[in-house]
Amino acid sequence: MSTRPITLIAGIGEGLGVSLAAAFAADGHDVVGLSRSDRATGPATKAVAAAGGSYTHRAVDLTDAAAVAAAIAPFAGRVEVLVHAAHALLIKPFLETAPAEFEAVWRTGFLGAVHATRGVLPAMVERGGGTIVLAGATASTRAGARFAAFASAKFALRGLAQSLAREFGPAGVHVAHLVLDGLIDEPQTDGRFGTAGDGAAGDGRMDPDAIAAACLALARQPRSAWTHELDLRPSTEKF
């Protein structure tokens, strides 16, 4: 049985999820990915194996507390890093957004993070160490028109990160909130906004490998100088 520490990626997908898996595997971690889809499994398995680690995928609805707990339980004692990257992007006028749509966005982007952190925190506290990175967005700090559902979920995630950092930092658990202020260069972005350089989105996208490197740097920080909130954006992004 492997004794390598585990990085758990909740909401793993093509692009950033695979880049995270590769970066942490190269740092000596095995990787466990949680998501409803298994589209990232092949690339993640290959990337992690190239670094001498193993990748395990668990198909799970992150909004289902019991399912998430069951998926994490076999690995919880070895999870040193949790990255929660799941979200549901909804861009829609407020008066046209049904209450059920608000709830669906909130459950995916916020409640899923609650379930994942509850799955790993007890072992981290007992061990006296660990890192939790909750991935936010531009809407975490600045809510635009037609982003009411998405922004409210991201604001809540930011509040969760602040509360967890204050509660569990003294126990040795580093909780960081990562503001991703820009489009990530990955298939999901292409599907929604068009391919970079086609005139629809331009080329100013965030490199998922660079984001993964920033997450790895957060996990490596000494506890005498922890970063709680880190914002990343391409050089062309207005802010």
Protein backbone atom coordinates (compact mmCIF):
# COMPACT_ATOMS: atom_id res chain seq x y z
CA MET A 1 0.00 0.00 0.00
CA SER A 2 1.29 3.44 -0.92
CA THR A 3 2.49 5.68 1.88
CA ARG A 4 2.59 8.80 -0.27
CA PRO A 5 0.45 11.68 0.98
CA ILE A 6 -2.74 12.35 -0.93
CA THR A 7 -4.02 15.45 -2.67
CA LEU A 8 -7.80 15.35 -2.94
CA ILE A 9 -9.29 17.37 -5.80
CA ALA A 10 -13.01 17.95 -5.38
CA GLY A 11 -14.58 18.88 -8.67
CA ILE A 12 -11.75 17.59 -10.83
CA GLY A 13 -12.13 18.24 -14.53
CA GLU A 14 -10.16 18.57 -17.70
CA GLY A 15 -7.70 21.44 -17.69
CA LEU A 16 -7.11 22.79 -14.20
CA GLY A 17 -7.97 19.52 -12.47
CA VAL A 18 -5.44 17.56 -14.49
CA SER A 19 -2.82 20.28 -13.99
CA LEU A 20 -3.37 20.11 -10.23
CA ALA A 21 -3.02 16.34 -10.29
CA ALA A 22 0.24 16.55 -12.25
CA ALA A 23 1.75 19.27 -10.03
CA PHE A 24 1.04 17.54 -6.75
CA ALA A 25 2.06 14.13 -8.09
CA ALA A 26 5.41 15.60 -9.08
CA ASP A 27 5.71 16.78 -5.48
CA GLY A 28 5.33 13.22 -4.21
CA HIS A 29 1.57 12.88 -3.79
CA ASP A 30 -0.95 10.33 -4.88
CA VAL A 31 -4.15 11.97 -6.13
CA VAL A 32 -7.83 11.27 -5.54
CA GLY A 33 -10.35 13.05 -7.73
CA LEU A 34 -14.05 13.53 -6.99
CA SER A 35 -16.59 14.55 -9.62
CA ARG A 36 -19.73 13.35 -11.34
CA SER A 37 -17.89 12.99 -14.64
CA ASP A 38 -14.91 10.74 -15.32
CA ARG A 39 -13.70 12.72 -18.35
CA ALA A 40 -10.52 13.77 -16.55
CA THR A 41 -9.65 10.26 -15.37
CA GLY A 42 -7.54 9.23 -18.35
CA PRO A 43 -5.36 12.37 -18.49
CA ALA A 44 -5.08 12.56 -14.69
CA THR A 45 -4.08 8.90 -14.40
CA LYS A 46 -1.38 9.36 -17.05
CA ALA A 47 -0.04 12.58 -15.50
CA VAL A 48 0.12 11.17 -11.97
CA ALA A 49 1.68 7.88 -13.09
CA ALA A 50 4.40 9.78 -14.94
CA ALA A 51 5.44 11.20 -11.57
CA GLY A 52 5.43 7.82 -9.87
CA GLY A 53 2.08 8.19 -8.14
CA SER A 54 -1.38 6.71 -8.45
CA TYR A 55 -4.66 8.34 -9.37
CA THR A 56 -8.01 7.21 -8.01
CA HIS A 57 -11.32 8.57 -9.24
CA ARG A 58 -14.57 8.47 -7.32
CA ALA A 59 -17.74 9.36 -9.21
CA VAL A 60 -19.78 11.29 -6.68
CA ASP A 61 -22.32 14.08 -6.41
CA LEU A 62 -20.51 16.63 -4.25
CA THR A 63 -23.83 17.96 -2.97
CA ASP A 64 -24.63 14.58 -1.38
CA ALA A 65 -23.15 14.65 2.13
CA ALA A 66 -23.29 10.89 2.72
CA ALA A 67 -21.82 10.06 -0.69
CA VAL A 68 -18.93 12.50 -0.24
CA ALA A 69 -18.17 11.21 3.24
CA ALA A 70 -18.13 7.62 1.97
CA ALA A 71 -15.88 8.52 -0.97
CA ILE A 72 -13.33 10.32 1.21
CA ALA A 73 -13.31 7.99 4.21
CA PRO A 74 -10.84 5.37 2.85
CA PHE A 75 -8.27 8.09 2.11
CA ALA A 76 -8.91 10.69 4.84
CA GLY A 77 -5.92 9.76 6.99
CA ARG A 78 -3.50 10.39 4.12
CA VAL A 79 -5.06 13.56 2.68
CA GLU A 80 -2.59 16.38 3.19
CA VAL A 81 -4.09 18.74 0.63
CA LEU A 82 -7.67 19.41 -0.42
CA VAL A 83 -8.38 21.61 -3.43
CA HIS A 84 -12.06 22.35 -3.98
CA ALA A 85 -12.60 23.57 -7.54
CA ALA A 86 -16.23 22.67 -8.23
CA HIS A 87 -18.63 25.36 -9.39
CA ALA A 88 -21.74 25.88 -11.48
CA LEU A 89 -21.54 29.01 -13.60
CA LEU A 90 -24.91 30.61 -14.25
CA ILE A 91 -25.11 33.96 -16.07
CA LYS A 92 -28.72 35.03 -16.11
CA PRO A 93 -30.86 38.07 -15.25
CA PHE A 94 -31.95 37.99 -11.61
CA LEU A 95 -35.69 38.07 -12.33
CA GLU A 96 -35.32 35.20 -14.78
CA THR A 97 -33.35 33.04 -12.32
CA ALA A 98 -35.62 30.56 -10.58
CA PRO A 99 -35.13 29.77 -6.89
CA ALA A 100 -34.23 26.21 -7.84
CA GLU A 101 -31.42 27.53 -10.06
CA PHE A 102 -30.06 29.63 -7.20
CA GLU A 103 -30.09 26.56 -4.98
CA ALA A 104 -28.38 24.36 -7.56
CA VAL A 105 -25.53 26.85 -8.02
CA TRP A 106 -25.17 27.29 -4.27
CA ARG A 107 -25.19 23.55 -3.57
CA THR A 108 -22.47 22.83 -6.13
CA GLY A 109 -20.19 25.77 -5.47
CA PHE A 110 -20.58 26.12 -1.71
CA LEU A 111 -22.26 23.15 -0.05
CA GLY A 112 -19.98 20.74 -1.88
CA ALA A 113 -17.01 22.50 -0.29
CA VAL A 114 -18.60 22.08 3.13
CA HIS A 115 -18.95 18.34 2.58
CA ALA A 116 -15.40 17.93 1.28
CA THR A 117 -13.80 19.90 4.10
CA ARG A 118 -15.77 17.99 6.71
CA GLY A 119 -14.37 14.81 5.21
CA VAL A 120 -10.71 15.80 5.61
CA LEU A 121 -10.56 18.17 8.58
CA PRO A 122 -10.74 15.70 11.48
CA ALA A 123 -7.63 13.81 10.32
CA MET A 124 -5.79 17.04 9.53
CA VAL A 125 -6.50 18.38 13.00
CA GLU A 126 -5.43 15.13 14.62
CA ARG A 127 -2.21 15.17 12.58
CA GLY A 128 -1.65 18.87 13.26
CA GLY A 129 -1.22 19.82 9.62
CA GLY A 130 -2.77 20.03 6.20
CA THR A 131 -3.80 22.50 3.50
CA ILE A 132 -7.26 23.34 2.18
CA VAL A 133 -7.56 25.52 -0.92
CA LEU A 134 -11.02 26.76 -1.87
CA ALA A 135 -11.07 28.09 -5.42
CA GLY A 136 -13.07 31.25 -5.95
CA ALA A 137 -13.53 33.55 -8.92
CA THR A 138 -13.83 37.18 -9.93
CA ALA A 139 -17.36 36.99 -8.50
CA SER A 140 -15.97 36.13 -5.04
CA THR A 141 -15.24 39.80 -4.41
CA ARG A 142 -17.09 41.69 -7.16
CA ALA A 143 -20.57 40.69 -8.25
CA GLY A 144 -21.54 41.68 -11.76
CA ALA A 145 -24.96 42.09 -13.32
CA ARG A 146 -26.60 38.75 -14.17
CA PHE A 147 -24.22 36.91 -11.81
CA ALA A 148 -26.46 36.95 -8.73
CA ALA A 149 -26.60 33.18 -8.26
CA PHE A 150 -22.94 32.53 -9.00
CA ALA A 151 -21.63 35.49 -7.02
CA SER A 152 -23.73 34.72 -3.96
CA ALA A 153 -22.32 31.18 -3.91
CA LYS A 154 -18.76 32.45 -4.33
CA PHE A 155 -19.20 35.11 -1.64
CA ALA A 156 -20.38 32.35 0.69
CA LEU A 157 -17.34 30.22 -0.17
CA ARG A 158 -15.05 33.12 0.66
CA GLY A 159 -16.77 33.53 4.02
CA LEU A 160 -16.38 29.82 4.70
CA ALA A 161 -12.65 30.05 3.96
CA GLN A 162 -12.21 32.96 6.35
CA SER A 163 -14.08 31.21 9.14
CA LEU A 164 -12.22 27.92 8.69
CA ALA A 165 -8.86 29.68 8.60
CA ARG A 166 -9.54 31.38 11.92
CA GLU A 167 -10.91 28.24 13.56
CA PHE A 168 -8.41 25.67 12.32
CA GLY A 169 -5.26 27.70 11.70
CA PRO A 170 -4.21 27.34 15.35
CA ALA A 171 -4.52 23.57 14.90
CA GLY A 172 -2.01 23.67 12.05
CA VAL A 173 -4.43 23.55 9.11
CA HIS A 174 -3.71 26.11 6.41
CA VAL A 175 -6.94 27.31 4.76
CA ALA A 176 -6.52 29.50 1.69
CA HIS A 177 -9.00 31.17 -0.64
CA LEU A 178 -7.84 31.37 -4.26
CA VAL A 179 -9.44 34.09 -6.41
CA LEU A 180 -9.20 33.10 -10.07
CA ASP A 181 -9.85 36.43 -11.75
CA GLY A 182 -10.10 35.47 -15.40
CA LEU A 183 -10.91 32.67 -17.80
CA ILE A 184 -8.91 29.47 -17.51
CA ASP A 185 -7.52 27.96 -20.70
CA GLU A 186 -9.35 24.62 -20.59
CA PRO A 187 -12.06 22.73 -22.51
CA GLN A 188 -14.88 23.94 -20.27
CA THR A 189 -14.02 27.55 -21.13
CA ASP A 190 -13.88 26.76 -24.84
CA GLY A 191 -17.31 25.17 -24.64
CA ARG A 192 -18.91 28.22 -23.03
CA PHE A 193 -17.00 31.17 -24.48
CA GLY A 194 -15.36 29.87 -27.64
CA THR A 195 -11.79 28.91 -28.45
CA ALA A 196 -9.09 31.38 -27.44
CA GLY A 197 -8.03 33.56 -30.33
CA ASP A 198 -11.24 33.13 -32.33
CA GLY A 199 -12.34 36.67 -31.58
CA ALA A 200 -14.87 35.63 -28.94
CA ALA A 201 -12.59 35.41 -25.94
CA GLY A 202 -9.15 36.56 -27.03
CA ASP A 203 -5.89 35.07 -25.82
CA GLY A 204 -5.77 36.46 -22.28
CA ARG A 205 -6.51 33.22 -20.48
CA MET A 206 -4.96 31.72 -17.39
CA ASP A 207 -2.59 28.79 -17.85
CA PRO A 208 -3.91 25.91 -15.69
CA ASP A 209 -0.34 24.73 -15.04
CA ALA A 210 0.50 28.16 -13.61
CA ILE A 211 -2.55 28.05 -11.34
CA ALA A 212 -1.57 24.57 -10.18
CA ALA A 213 1.94 25.81 -9.39
CA ALA A 214 0.44 28.57 -7.24
CA CYS A 215 -1.66 26.01 -5.35
CA LEU A 216 1.42 23.88 -4.75
CA ALA A 217 3.26 26.94 -3.43
CA LEU A 218 0.42 27.57 -0.97
CA ALA A 219 0.67 24.00 0.28
CA ARG A 220 4.43 24.36 0.77
CA GLN A 221 4.27 27.58 2.79
CA PRO A 222 5.73 27.49 6.31
CA ARG A 223 3.14 28.21 8.98
CA SER A 224 5.05 31.30 10.11
CA ALA A 225 4.00 33.06 6.88
CA TRP A 226 0.77 31.65 5.49
CA THR A 227 -1.19 33.31 2.70
CA HIS A 228 -4.92 33.28 3.32
CA GLU A 229 -6.16 34.87 0.10
CA LEU A 230 -4.33 34.82 -3.21
CA ASP A 231 -5.70 36.39 -6.36
CA LEU A 232 -4.45 35.32 -9.78
CA ARG A 233 -5.21 36.93 -13.13
CA PRO A 234 -3.66 37.20 -16.60
CA SER A 235 -1.69 40.35 -17.33
CA THR A 236 -4.39 41.58 -19.71
CA GLU A 237 -7.26 41.29 -17.21
CA LYS A 238 -8.83 44.57 -16.06
CA PHE A 239 -9.47 44.83 -12.34
